[in-house]
Amino acid sequence: MSKPIVHVAVALLFHRSKVLVGWREAKQHQGNKYEFPGGKVEGNETPEETCRREIYEEVGVGLSDWHPFSLICHEYDDITVHLHLFFAHVPEEMLNQIQKPWAWYTREKLQTLDFPAANQPVIERLYWPHSIRIGTAFSAIEQLAQDMLFYWRPEQAEIDKNWLLEYSIQQLNKLIVPYQVWRSLNVEQQHHIAAVHLKQSEQMSLKKGELCIGIRYIAACHDAASVQHAVQIGCEAVLISPVQATPTHPEAPALGWDAFAELAHQADVPVFALGGLSREDLECARQYGAYGIAGIRHI
C-alpha cells in the first residue's frame, strides 16, 4: 500500500545571515524537534501562498518577497513528505513583530540542533565554510582544510566534463565554479557543486526568478548597488572586494574595513571579504560584518 503524500511549505527566514528556528511540540508529527516555520498546503493554495500565510499566522510578519529554495521529497515510515522550501529576508523594522518562541540561530548552531531527518539537506546547504581558497590549479581541492571551499577559476572556460567525474561527491561538494563553467556541466554534476560564482556583470544582468532552483549562488560585489541586486535576485552569499590592495588587481582601489562594513550591513546573507587577506584576518573580518574570508595567495 502506498504511503499518503503530504505537501508542506517551509520558510527559511534570514536576518544578518542568521536563520529563524522554532520547536515542534511532542504531539506533532516528528515532535520534540527543532523546525523551520511552515505548514501543510491547503485547498487550492500554491506552496508559496501557503508559505506566506503560515509565516503571517505563526511568526507574525507579513512578507511578500520570496525566493524558491528547493523541493525535497522524504519518506518516513508512515508518510511521504514533499517539502516546498522558500526563503525571505526579514527587515530590521519587522524584528519586534516576531512572535515567541521563534528565535534566531547562527548557521553553525543549526548543525548541532535536532531537526527532522527531511531537513538535513537544508541544514547542510545553509552552512558555509568560513574560508574560500581561490586558484587556477584544480589539484588544490585535494589539500583543502576542513572548513574551506575552493573557488576554481580555470584558465579556459571549457573543461572536460568527464574529468570531473574522477573526483568524489565530497570533493565536488567543496567546489565553487564560474557561472559559464557550471553551465557546461551535466545536471548531476551541477547539483553536486557547492556553489556557482557570478561575476558582478553577470549577476547584474539577471532578474529575480532566473536563478535555478536548488543551486547555491555566490555573487561578486564591489559596490552597494551590486550587493542589493545580488540579494534581490536570490543569491545566497556575496564576495565583497577588494578590502585591501592586492597585486592581482592593482588598478582597483581598496575599500578599507569601514567601507566594507557598510556594504556588508546591506546583505542578509553570508558575506565573504576578499582582497589582500590571509586566514589570520578572519576574526578581524568578522568584527566588520563578514561571515568569512576568501583569497588567492594567503588562504
C-alpha atoms as a PDB file:
ATOM      1  CA  MET A   1       0.000   0.000   0.000  1.00  0.00           C
ATOM      2  CA  SER A   2       1.387   3.390  -0.990  1.00  0.00           C
ATOM      3  CA  LYS A   3       2.023   5.957   1.700  1.00  0.00           C
ATOM      4  CA  PRO A   4      -0.016   9.163   1.811  1.00  0.00           C
ATOM      5  CA  ILE A   5       1.782  12.182   0.358  1.00  0.00           C
ATOM      6  CA  VAL A   6       1.742  15.426   2.323  1.00  0.00           C
ATOM      7  CA  HIS A   7       2.783  18.702   0.714  1.00  0.00           C
ATOM      8  CA  VAL A   8       4.337  21.161   3.159  1.00  0.00           C
ATOM      9  CA  ALA A   9       5.519  24.730   2.584  1.00  0.00           C
ATOM     10  CA  VAL A  10       8.633  25.614   4.607  1.00  0.00           C
ATOM     11  CA  ALA A  11      10.081  29.094   5.150  1.00  0.00           C
ATOM     12  CA  LEU A  12      13.721  29.963   5.695  1.00  0.00           C
ATOM     13  CA  LEU A  13      13.802  33.448   7.183  1.00  0.00           C
ATOM     14  CA  PHE A  14      17.153  35.253   7.174  1.00  0.00           C
ATOM     15  CA  HIS A  15      18.475  38.276   9.013  1.00  0.00           C
ATOM     16  CA  ARG A  16      22.184  39.169   9.096  1.00  0.00           C
ATOM     17  CA  SER A  17      22.854  35.614   7.836  1.00  0.00           C
ATOM     18  CA  LYS A  18      21.088  34.092  10.867  1.00  0.00           C
ATOM     19  CA  VAL A  19      18.092  31.766  10.436  1.00  0.00           C
ATOM     20  CA  LEU A  20      14.753  31.710  12.298  1.00  0.00           C
ATOM     21  CA  VAL A  21      14.009  28.412  14.080  1.00  0.00           C
ATOM     22  CA  GLY A  22      11.288  27.113  16.407  1.00  0.00           C
ATOM     23  CA  TRP A  23      10.421  23.988  18.400  1.00  0.00           C
ATOM     24  CA  ARG A  24       7.985  21.264  17.286  1.00  0.00           C
ATOM     25  CA  GLU A  25       5.638  20.098  20.055  1.00  0.00           C
ATOM     26  CA  ALA A  26       5.584  16.447  21.089  1.00  0.00           C
ATOM     27  CA  LYS A  27       2.028  15.865  19.783  1.00  0.00           C
ATOM     28  CA  GLN A  28       3.041  16.864  16.235  1.00  0.00           C
ATOM     29  CA  HIS A  29       4.475  14.540  13.607  1.00  0.00           C
ATOM     30  CA  GLN A  30       8.239  14.277  14.237  1.00  0.00           C
ATOM     31  CA  GLY A  31       7.652  16.077  17.550  1.00  0.00           C
ATOM     32  CA  ASN A  32      10.202  17.231  20.121  1.00  0.00           C
ATOM     33  CA  LYS A  33      12.498  18.522  17.410  1.00  0.00           C
ATOM     34  CA  TYR A  34      13.526  21.896  16.065  1.00  0.00           C
ATOM     35  CA  GLU A  35      11.756  23.168  12.973  1.00  0.00           C
ATOM     36  CA  PHE A  36      11.543  25.923  10.402  1.00  0.00           C
ATOM     37  CA  PRO A  37       8.196  27.719  10.186  1.00  0.00           C
ATOM     38  CA  GLY A  38       5.643  26.491   7.694  1.00  0.00           C
ATOM     39  CA  GLY A  39       2.653  24.207   7.292  1.00  0.00           C
ATOM     40  CA  LYS A  40       0.564  21.946   5.073  1.00  0.00           C
ATOM     41  CA  VAL A  41      -0.564  23.184   1.680  1.00  0.00           C
ATOM     42  CA  GLU A  42      -4.334  23.502   1.863  1.00  0.00           C
ATOM     43  CA  GLY A  43      -7.071  23.554  -0.768  1.00  0.00           C
ATOM     44  CA  ASN A  44      -6.189  25.403  -3.945  1.00  0.00           C
ATOM     45  CA  GLU A  45      -3.222  27.232  -2.412  1.00  0.00           C
ATOM     46  CA  THR A  46       0.122  27.255  -4.141  1.00  0.00           C
ATOM     47  CA  PRO A  47       3.054  26.317  -1.886  1.00  0.00           C
ATOM     48  CA  GLU A  48       4.241  29.942  -1.939  1.00  0.00           C
ATOM     49  CA  GLU A  49       0.793  31.176  -0.886  1.00  0.00           C
ATOM     50  CA  THR A  50       0.832  28.660   1.962  1.00  0.00           C
ATOM     51  CA  CYS A  51       4.281  29.836   2.972  1.00  0.00           C
ATOM     52  CA  ARG A  52       3.197  33.482   3.033  1.00  0.00           C
ATOM     53  CA  ARG A  53       0.048  32.663   5.056  1.00  0.00           C
ATOM     54  CA  GLU A  54       1.800  30.404   7.562  1.00  0.00           C
ATOM     55  CA  ILE A  55       4.523  32.947   8.247  1.00  0.00           C
ATOM     56  CA  TYR A  56       1.979  35.636   8.958  1.00  0.00           C
ATOM     57  CA  GLU A  57      -0.026  33.319  11.258  1.00  0.00           C
ATOM     58  CA  GLU A  58       2.852  31.550  13.022  1.00  0.00           C
ATOM     59  CA  VAL A  59       5.639  34.118  13.079  1.00  0.00           C
ATOM     60  CA  GLY A  60       3.691  37.373  12.916  1.00  0.00           C
ATOM     61  CA  VAL A  61       5.338  39.073   9.925  1.00  0.00           C
ATOM     62  CA  GLY A  62       3.858  39.706   6.501  1.00  0.00           C
ATOM     63  CA  LEU A  63       6.498  39.185   3.822  1.00  0.00           C
ATOM     64  CA  SER A  64       5.827  39.352   0.090  1.00  0.00           C
ATOM     65  CA  ASP A  65       9.301  38.974  -1.447  1.00  0.00           C
ATOM     66  CA  TRP A  66      10.019  35.220  -1.519  1.00  0.00           C
ATOM     67  CA  HIS A  67      12.593  33.131  -3.383  1.00  0.00           C
ATOM     68  CA  PRO A  68      12.253  29.403  -4.148  1.00  0.00           C
ATOM     69  CA  PHE A  69      14.946  27.436  -2.322  1.00  0.00           C
ATOM     70  CA  SER A  70      14.418  23.765  -3.082  1.00  0.00           C
ATOM     71  CA  LEU A  71      11.972  20.853  -3.276  1.00  0.00           C
ATOM     72  CA  ILE A  72      12.769  17.888  -1.045  1.00  0.00           C
ATOM     73  CA  CYS A  73      10.927  14.561  -1.071  1.00  0.00           C
ATOM     74  CA  HIS A  74      11.417  12.419   2.023  1.00  0.00           C
ATOM     75  CA  GLU A  75       9.867   9.114   3.052  1.00  0.00           C
ATOM     76  CA  TYR A  76       9.067   8.486   6.689  1.00  0.00           C
ATOM     77  CA  ASP A  77       7.701   5.184   7.984  1.00  0.00           C
ATOM     78  CA  ASP A  78       4.119   6.422   7.753  1.00  0.00           C
ATOM     79  CA  ILE A  79       4.036   9.197   5.125  1.00  0.00           C
ATOM     80  CA  THR A  80       5.917  10.740   2.226  1.00  0.00           C
ATOM     81  CA  VAL A  81       6.573  14.456   2.675  1.00  0.00           C
ATOM     82  CA  HIS A  82       7.184  16.900  -0.149  1.00  0.00           C
ATOM     83  CA  LEU A  83       8.856  19.982   1.304  1.00  0.00           C
ATOM     84  CA  HIS A  84       8.468  23.111  -0.822  1.00  0.00           C
ATOM     85  CA  LEU A  85      11.114  25.466   0.548  1.00  0.00           C
ATOM     86  CA  PHE A  86      11.235  29.247   0.118  1.00  0.00           C
ATOM     87  CA  PHE A  87      13.404  31.920   1.680  1.00  0.00           C
ATOM     88  CA  ALA A  88      12.956  35.584   2.504  1.00  0.00           C
ATOM     89  CA  HIS A  89      14.793  38.334   4.353  1.00  0.00           C
ATOM     90  CA  VAL A  90      13.304  39.945   7.459  1.00  0.00           C
ATOM     91  CA  PRO A  91      13.991  43.698   7.568  1.00  0.00           C
ATOM     92  CA  GLU A  92      15.146  45.400  10.742  1.00  0.00           C
ATOM     93  CA  GLU A  93      11.817  47.149  11.306  1.00  0.00           C
ATOM     94  CA  MET A  94       9.928  43.826  11.485  1.00  0.00           C
ATOM     95  CA  LEU A  95      12.115  42.094  14.058  1.00  0.00           C
ATOM     96  CA  ASN A  96       9.983  43.205  17.009  1.00  0.00           C
ATOM     97  CA  GLN A  97       6.880  41.680  15.356  1.00  0.00           C
ATOM     98  CA  ILE A  98       8.247  38.131  15.513  1.00  0.00           C
ATOM     99  CA  GLN A  99       6.292  36.017  17.978  1.00  0.00           C
ATOM    100  CA  LYS A 100       7.819  33.753  20.605  1.00  0.00           C
ATOM    101  CA  PRO A 101       9.176  31.086  20.787  1.00  0.00           C
ATOM    102  CA  TRP A 102      10.771  31.661  17.347  1.00  0.00           C
ATOM    103  CA  ALA A 103      14.436  32.608  17.705  1.00  0.00           C
ATOM    104  CA  TRP A 104      17.464  33.391  15.545  1.00  0.00           C
ATOM    105  CA  TYR A 105      20.304  30.860  15.242  1.00  0.00           C
ATOM    106  CA  THR A 106      23.664  31.042  13.532  1.00  0.00           C
ATOM    107  CA  ARG A 107      24.255  28.660  10.644  1.00  0.00           C
ATOM    108  CA  GLU A 108      26.917  26.893  12.686  1.00  0.00           C
ATOM    109  CA  LYS A 109      24.445  26.311  15.524  1.00  0.00           C
ATOM    110  CA  LEU A 110      21.887  24.733  13.187  1.00  0.00           C
ATOM    111  CA  GLN A 111      24.246  21.792  12.712  1.00  0.00           C
ATOM    112  CA  THR A 112      24.013  20.922  16.416  1.00  0.00           C
ATOM    113  CA  LEU A 113      20.190  21.030  16.677  1.00  0.00           C
ATOM    114  CA  ASP A 114      17.903  18.015  16.329  1.00  0.00           C
ATOM    115  CA  PHE A 115      15.771  18.568  13.212  1.00  0.00           C
ATOM    116  CA  PRO A 116      13.523  16.042  11.421  1.00  0.00           C
ATOM    117  CA  ALA A 117      15.505  13.902   9.001  1.00  0.00           C
ATOM    118  CA  ALA A 118      13.912  15.571   5.972  1.00  0.00           C
ATOM    119  CA  ASN A 119      15.548  18.855   6.970  1.00  0.00           C
ATOM    120  CA  GLN A 120      19.143  17.596   6.944  1.00  0.00           C
ATOM    121  CA  PRO A 121      19.862  18.579   3.300  1.00  0.00           C
ATOM    122  CA  VAL A 122      18.624  22.079   4.174  1.00  0.00           C
ATOM    123  CA  ILE A 123      20.938  22.344   7.193  1.00  0.00           C
ATOM    124  CA  GLU A 124      23.896  21.278   5.060  1.00  0.00           C
ATOM    125  CA  ARG A 125      23.129  23.816   2.358  1.00  0.00           C
ATOM    126  CA  LEU A 126      22.616  26.704   4.782  1.00  0.00           C
ATOM    127  CA  TYR A 127      26.069  26.245   6.276  1.00  0.00           C
ATOM    128  CA  TRP A 128      29.021  27.895   4.513  1.00  0.00           C
ATOM    129  CA  PRO A 129      32.626  27.184   5.497  1.00  0.00           C
ATOM    130  CA  HIS A 130      34.381  30.343   6.689  1.00  0.00           C
ATOM    131  CA  SER A 131      37.259  30.341   4.190  1.00  0.00           C
ATOM    132  CA  ILE A 132      37.297  30.217   0.406  1.00  0.00           C
ATOM    133  CA  ARG A 133      40.526  29.453  -1.397  1.00  0.00           C
ATOM    134  CA  ILE A 134      40.771  30.779  -4.968  1.00  0.00           C
ATOM    135  CA  GLY A 135      43.035  29.283  -7.612  1.00  0.00           C
ATOM    136  CA  THR A 136      43.515  28.011 -11.141  1.00  0.00           C
ATOM    137  CA  ALA A 137      45.037  24.610 -10.262  1.00  0.00           C
ATOM    138  CA  PHE A 138      42.218  22.144  -9.662  1.00  0.00           C
ATOM    139  CA  SER A 139      44.530  19.868  -7.695  1.00  0.00           C
ATOM    140  CA  ALA A 140      44.270  22.338  -4.799  1.00  0.00           C
ATOM    141  CA  ILE A 141      40.913  20.787  -3.909  1.00  0.00           C
ATOM    142  CA  GLU A 142      42.805  17.729  -2.665  1.00  0.00           C
ATOM    143  CA  GLN A 143      44.599  19.709   0.073  1.00  0.00           C
ATOM    144  CA  LEU A 144      41.755  21.836   1.422  1.00  0.00           C
ATOM    145  CA  ALA A 145      41.359  22.411   5.131  1.00  0.00           C
ATOM    146  CA  GLN A 146      38.126  21.103   6.633  1.00  0.00           C
ATOM    147  CA  ASP A 147      36.311  24.429   6.984  1.00  0.00           C
ATOM    148  CA  MET A 148      37.092  25.649   3.482  1.00  0.00           C
ATOM    149  CA  LEU A 149      35.676  25.818  -0.045  1.00  0.00           C
ATOM    150  CA  PHE A 150      37.695  26.039  -3.249  1.00  0.00           C
ATOM    151  CA  TYR A 151      36.717  28.549  -5.941  1.00  0.00           C
ATOM    152  CA  TRP A 152      38.251  27.186  -9.130  1.00  0.00           C
ATOM    153  CA  ARG A 153      38.996  29.806 -11.783  1.00  0.00           C
ATOM    154  CA  PRO A 154      40.324  27.842 -14.771  1.00  0.00           C
ATOM    155  CA  GLU A 155      42.430  29.486 -17.433  1.00  0.00           C
ATOM    156  CA  GLN A 156      39.884  28.412 -20.039  1.00  0.00           C
ATOM    157  CA  ALA A 157      36.110  28.327 -19.697  1.00  0.00           C
ATOM    158  CA  GLU A 158      35.858  24.968 -21.478  1.00  0.00           C
ATOM    159  CA  ILE A 159      36.612  21.889 -19.376  1.00  0.00           C
ATOM    160  CA  ASP A 160      36.477  18.142 -19.826  1.00  0.00           C
ATOM    161  CA  LYS A 161      33.258  17.177 -18.080  1.00  0.00           C
ATOM    162  CA  ASN A 162      34.299  13.534 -17.835  1.00  0.00           C
ATOM    163  CA  TRP A 163      37.418  14.607 -15.960  1.00  0.00           C
ATOM    164  CA  LEU A 164      35.307  15.943 -13.106  1.00  0.00           C
ATOM    165  CA  LEU A 165      33.746  12.503 -12.678  1.00  0.00           C
ATOM    166  CA  GLU A 166      37.092  11.281 -11.323  1.00  0.00           C
ATOM    167  CA  TYR A 167      36.507  13.322  -8.167  1.00  0.00           C
ATOM    168  CA  SER A 168      34.311  12.222  -5.294  1.00  0.00           C
ATOM    169  CA  ILE A 169      30.994  13.800  -4.411  1.00  0.00           C
ATOM    170  CA  GLN A 170      32.595  15.016  -1.172  1.00  0.00           C
ATOM    171  CA  GLN A 171      35.229  16.911  -3.169  1.00  0.00           C
ATOM    172  CA  LEU A 172      32.726  18.398  -5.613  1.00  0.00           C
ATOM    173  CA  ASN A 173      30.644  19.496  -2.631  1.00  0.00           C
ATOM    174  CA  LYS A 174      33.549  21.803  -1.700  1.00  0.00           C
ATOM    175  CA  LEU A 175      33.896  23.291  -5.188  1.00  0.00           C
ATOM    176  CA  ILE A 176      32.754  26.714  -6.419  1.00  0.00           C
ATOM    177  CA  VAL A 177      32.866  27.186 -10.191  1.00  0.00           C
ATOM    178  CA  PRO A 178      32.283  30.169 -12.512  1.00  0.00           C
ATOM    179  CA  TYR A 179      28.809  30.505 -13.996  1.00  0.00           C
ATOM    180  CA  GLN A 180      29.981  29.677 -17.530  1.00  0.00           C
ATOM    181  CA  VAL A 181      31.772  26.512 -16.356  1.00  0.00           C
ATOM    182  CA  TRP A 182      28.724  25.403 -14.368  1.00  0.00           C
ATOM    183  CA  ARG A 183      26.504  25.791 -17.426  1.00  0.00           C
ATOM    184  CA  SER A 184      28.729  23.333 -19.345  1.00  0.00           C
ATOM    185  CA  LEU A 185      28.239  20.538 -16.785  1.00  0.00           C
ATOM    186  CA  ASN A 186      25.579  17.845 -16.834  1.00  0.00           C
ATOM    187  CA  VAL A 187      22.664  18.017 -14.394  1.00  0.00           C
ATOM    188  CA  GLU A 188      24.171  15.555 -11.919  1.00  0.00           C
ATOM    189  CA  GLN A 189      27.446  17.466 -11.777  1.00  0.00           C
ATOM    190  CA  GLN A 190      25.632  20.780 -11.445  1.00  0.00           C
ATOM    191  CA  HIS A 191      23.828  19.605  -8.320  1.00  0.00           C
ATOM    192  CA  HIS A 192      26.991  18.275  -6.669  1.00  0.00           C
ATOM    193  CA  ILE A 193      28.853  21.580  -6.994  1.00  0.00           C
ATOM    194  CA  ALA A 194      28.945  23.596  -3.749  1.00  0.00           C
ATOM    195  CA  ALA A 195      28.077  26.920  -5.385  1.00  0.00           C
ATOM    196  CA  VAL A 196      28.057  28.865  -8.631  1.00  0.00           C
ATOM    197  CA  HIS A 197      30.065  32.090  -8.800  1.00  0.00           C
ATOM    198  CA  LEU A 198      28.554  35.076 -10.599  1.00  0.00           C
ATOM    199  CA  LYS A 199      30.768  37.953 -11.671  1.00  0.00           C
ATOM    200  CA  GLN A 200      29.295  41.374 -10.906  1.00  0.00           C
ATOM    201  CA  SER A 201      28.391  41.908 -14.573  1.00  0.00           C
ATOM    202  CA  GLU A 202      26.669  38.503 -14.705  1.00  0.00           C
ATOM    203  CA  GLN A 203      24.581  38.937 -11.594  1.00  0.00           C
ATOM    204  CA  MET A 204      23.584  42.484 -12.554  1.00  0.00           C
ATOM    205  CA  SER A 205      22.227  41.146 -15.858  1.00  0.00           C
ATOM    206  CA  LEU A 206      19.974  38.611 -14.107  1.00  0.00           C
ATOM    207  CA  LYS A 207      16.491  39.201 -12.740  1.00  0.00           C
ATOM    208  CA  LYS A 208      14.595  37.650  -9.871  1.00  0.00           C
ATOM    209  CA  GLY A 209      13.302  34.229 -10.903  1.00  0.00           C
ATOM    210  CA  GLU A 210      16.131  33.496 -13.331  1.00  0.00           C
ATOM    211  CA  LEU A 211      18.361  31.566 -10.924  1.00  0.00           C
ATOM    212  CA  CYS A 212      17.975  27.774 -10.967  1.00  0.00           C
ATOM    213  CA  ILE A 213      16.064  26.344  -8.018  1.00  0.00           C
ATOM    214  CA  GLY A 214      18.144  24.165  -5.696  1.00  0.00           C
ATOM    215  CA  ILE A 215      21.501  25.706  -6.683  1.00  0.00           C
ATOM    216  CA  ARG A 216      23.584  27.952  -4.410  1.00  0.00           C
ATOM    217  CA  TYR A 217      24.873  31.169  -5.978  1.00  0.00           C
ATOM    218  CA  ILE A 218      27.600  33.433  -4.625  1.00  0.00           C
ATOM    219  CA  ALA A 219      27.969  36.845  -6.297  1.00  0.00           C
ATOM    220  CA  ALA A 220      30.959  39.145  -6.690  1.00  0.00           C
ATOM    221  CA  CYS A 221      30.124  42.659  -5.493  1.00  0.00           C
ATOM    222  CA  HIS A 222      32.126  45.877  -5.458  1.00  0.00           C
ATOM    223  CA  ASP A 223      29.508  48.476  -4.518  1.00  0.00           C
ATOM    224  CA  ALA A 224      26.149  48.967  -2.813  1.00  0.00           C
ATOM    225  CA  ALA A 225      24.095  48.533  -5.993  1.00  0.00           C
ATOM    226  CA  SER A 226      25.579  45.112  -6.727  1.00  0.00           C
ATOM    227  CA  VAL A 227      25.151  43.922  -3.118  1.00  0.00           C
ATOM    228  CA  GLN A 228      21.488  44.916  -3.123  1.00  0.00           C
ATOM    229  CA  HIS A 229      20.894  43.350  -6.535  1.00  0.00           C
ATOM    230  CA  ALA A 230      22.549  40.061  -5.543  1.00  0.00           C
ATOM    231  CA  VAL A 231      20.206  39.751  -2.566  1.00  0.00           C
ATOM    232  CA  GLN A 232      17.211  40.795  -4.669  1.00  0.00           C
ATOM    233  CA  ILE A 233      17.698  38.051  -7.282  1.00  0.00           C
ATOM    234  CA  GLY A 234      18.217  35.367  -4.627  1.00  0.00           C
ATOM    235  CA  CYS A 235      21.969  34.837  -4.254  1.00  0.00           C
ATOM    236  CA  GLU A 236      22.775  33.027  -1.012  1.00  0.00           C
ATOM    237  CA  ALA A 237      26.160  34.673  -0.369  1.00  0.00           C
ATOM    238  CA  VAL A 238      28.299  37.525  -1.670  1.00  0.00           C
ATOM    239  CA  LEU A 239      32.004  38.237  -2.097  1.00  0.00           C
ATOM    240  CA  ILE A 240      32.839  41.893  -1.426  1.00  0.00           C
ATOM    241  CA  SER A 241      36.179  43.142  -2.749  1.00  0.00           C
ATOM    242  CA  PRO A 242      38.806  44.443  -2.710  1.00  0.00           C
ATOM    243  CA  VAL A 243      39.063  45.073   1.008  1.00  0.00           C
ATOM    244  CA  GLN A 244      42.790  45.812   0.788  1.00  0.00           C
ATOM    245  CA  ALA A 245      45.143  46.488  -2.111  1.00  0.00           C
ATOM    246  CA  THR A 246      46.092  43.346  -3.993  1.00  0.00           C
ATOM    247  CA  PRO A 247      48.744  42.672  -6.663  1.00  0.00           C
ATOM    248  CA  THR A 248      46.273  40.674  -8.779  1.00  0.00           C
ATOM    249  CA  HIS A 249      44.091  43.774  -9.297  1.00  0.00           C
ATOM    250  CA  PRO A 250      46.387  46.771  -8.690  1.00  0.00           C
ATOM    251  CA  GLU A 251      44.036  49.085 -10.592  1.00  0.00           C
ATOM    252  CA  ALA A 252      41.147  48.501  -8.170  1.00  0.00           C
ATOM    253  CA  PRO A 253      41.041  50.947  -5.227  1.00  0.00           C
ATOM    254  CA  ALA A 254      40.824  49.239  -1.852  1.00  0.00           C
ATOM    255  CA  LEU A 255      37.574  49.637   0.097  1.00  0.00           C
ATOM    256  CA  GLY A 256      39.084  49.528   3.576  1.00  0.00           C
ATOM    257  CA  TRP A 257      37.326  47.913   6.516  1.00  0.00           C
ATOM    258  CA  ASP A 258      34.876  50.740   7.246  1.00  0.00           C
ATOM    259  CA  ALA A 259      33.517  50.841   3.696  1.00  0.00           C
ATOM    260  CA  PHE A 260      33.420  47.042   3.650  1.00  0.00           C
ATOM    261  CA  ALA A 261      31.338  47.065   6.838  1.00  0.00           C
ATOM    262  CA  GLU A 262      28.825  49.478   5.287  1.00  0.00           C
ATOM    263  CA  LEU A 263      28.351  47.160   2.304  1.00  0.00           C
ATOM    264  CA  ALA A 264      28.202  44.006   4.435  1.00  0.00           C
ATOM    265  CA  HIS A 265      25.467  45.568   6.564  1.00  0.00           C
ATOM    266  CA  GLN A 266      23.218  45.716   3.493  1.00  0.00           C
ATOM    267  CA  ALA A 267      23.304  41.944   2.894  1.00  0.00           C
ATOM    268  CA  ASP A 268      21.220  39.494   4.929  1.00  0.00           C
ATOM    269  CA  VAL A 269      23.301  36.618   3.544  1.00  0.00           C
ATOM    270  CA  PRO A 270      26.806  35.394   4.392  1.00  0.00           C
ATOM    271  CA  VAL A 271      29.388  37.962   3.264  1.00  0.00           C
ATOM    272  CA  PHE A 272      32.950  36.976   2.390  1.00  0.00           C
ATOM    273  CA  ALA A 273      35.729  39.570   2.457  1.00  0.00           C
ATOM    274  CA  LEU A 274      38.185  39.343  -0.434  1.00  0.00           C
ATOM    275  CA  GLY A 275      41.366  41.195  -1.302  1.00  0.00           C
ATOM    276  CA  GLY A 276      44.786  41.109   0.366  1.00  0.00           C
ATOM    277  CA  LEU A 277      43.674  38.880   3.256  1.00  0.00           C
ATOM    278  CA  SER A 278      45.118  35.812   4.968  1.00  0.00           C
ATOM    279  CA  ARG A 279      43.493  33.287   7.298  1.00  0.00           C
ATOM    280  CA  GLU A 280      44.812  35.315  10.224  1.00  0.00           C
ATOM    281  CA  ASP A 281      42.440  38.126   9.156  1.00  0.00           C
ATOM    282  CA  LEU A 282      39.299  36.039   9.704  1.00  0.00           C
ATOM    283  CA  GLU A 283      38.482  37.315  13.190  1.00  0.00           C
ATOM    284  CA  CYS A 284      39.113  40.910  12.151  1.00  0.00           C
ATOM    285  CA  ALA A 285      36.852  40.461   9.124  1.00  0.00           C
ATOM    286  CA  ARG A 286      34.069  39.071  11.277  1.00  0.00           C
ATOM    287  CA  GLN A 287      34.255  42.100  13.539  1.00  0.00           C
ATOM    288  CA  TYR A 288      33.416  44.200  10.470  1.00  0.00           C
ATOM    289  CA  GLY A 289      30.408  42.095   9.495  1.00  0.00           C
ATOM    290  CA  ALA A 290      31.973  39.347   7.373  1.00  0.00           C
ATOM    291  CA  TYR A 291      30.865  35.743   7.647  1.00  0.00           C
ATOM    292  CA  GLY A 292      34.197  34.586   6.237  1.00  0.00           C
ATOM    293  CA  ILE A 293      37.150  35.455   4.019  1.00  0.00           C
ATOM    294  CA  ALA A 294      38.433  34.485   0.581  1.00  0.00           C
ATOM    295  CA  GLY A 295      41.795  34.810  -1.081  1.00  0.00           C
ATOM    296  CA  ILE A 296      44.309  33.567  -3.605  1.00  0.00           C
ATOM    297  CA  ARG A 297      47.797  33.658  -2.125  1.00  0.00           C
ATOM    298  CA  HIS A 298      47.363  33.502   1.640  1.00  0.00           C
ATOM    299  CA  ILE A 299      44.279  31.330   2.187  1.00  0.00           C
END
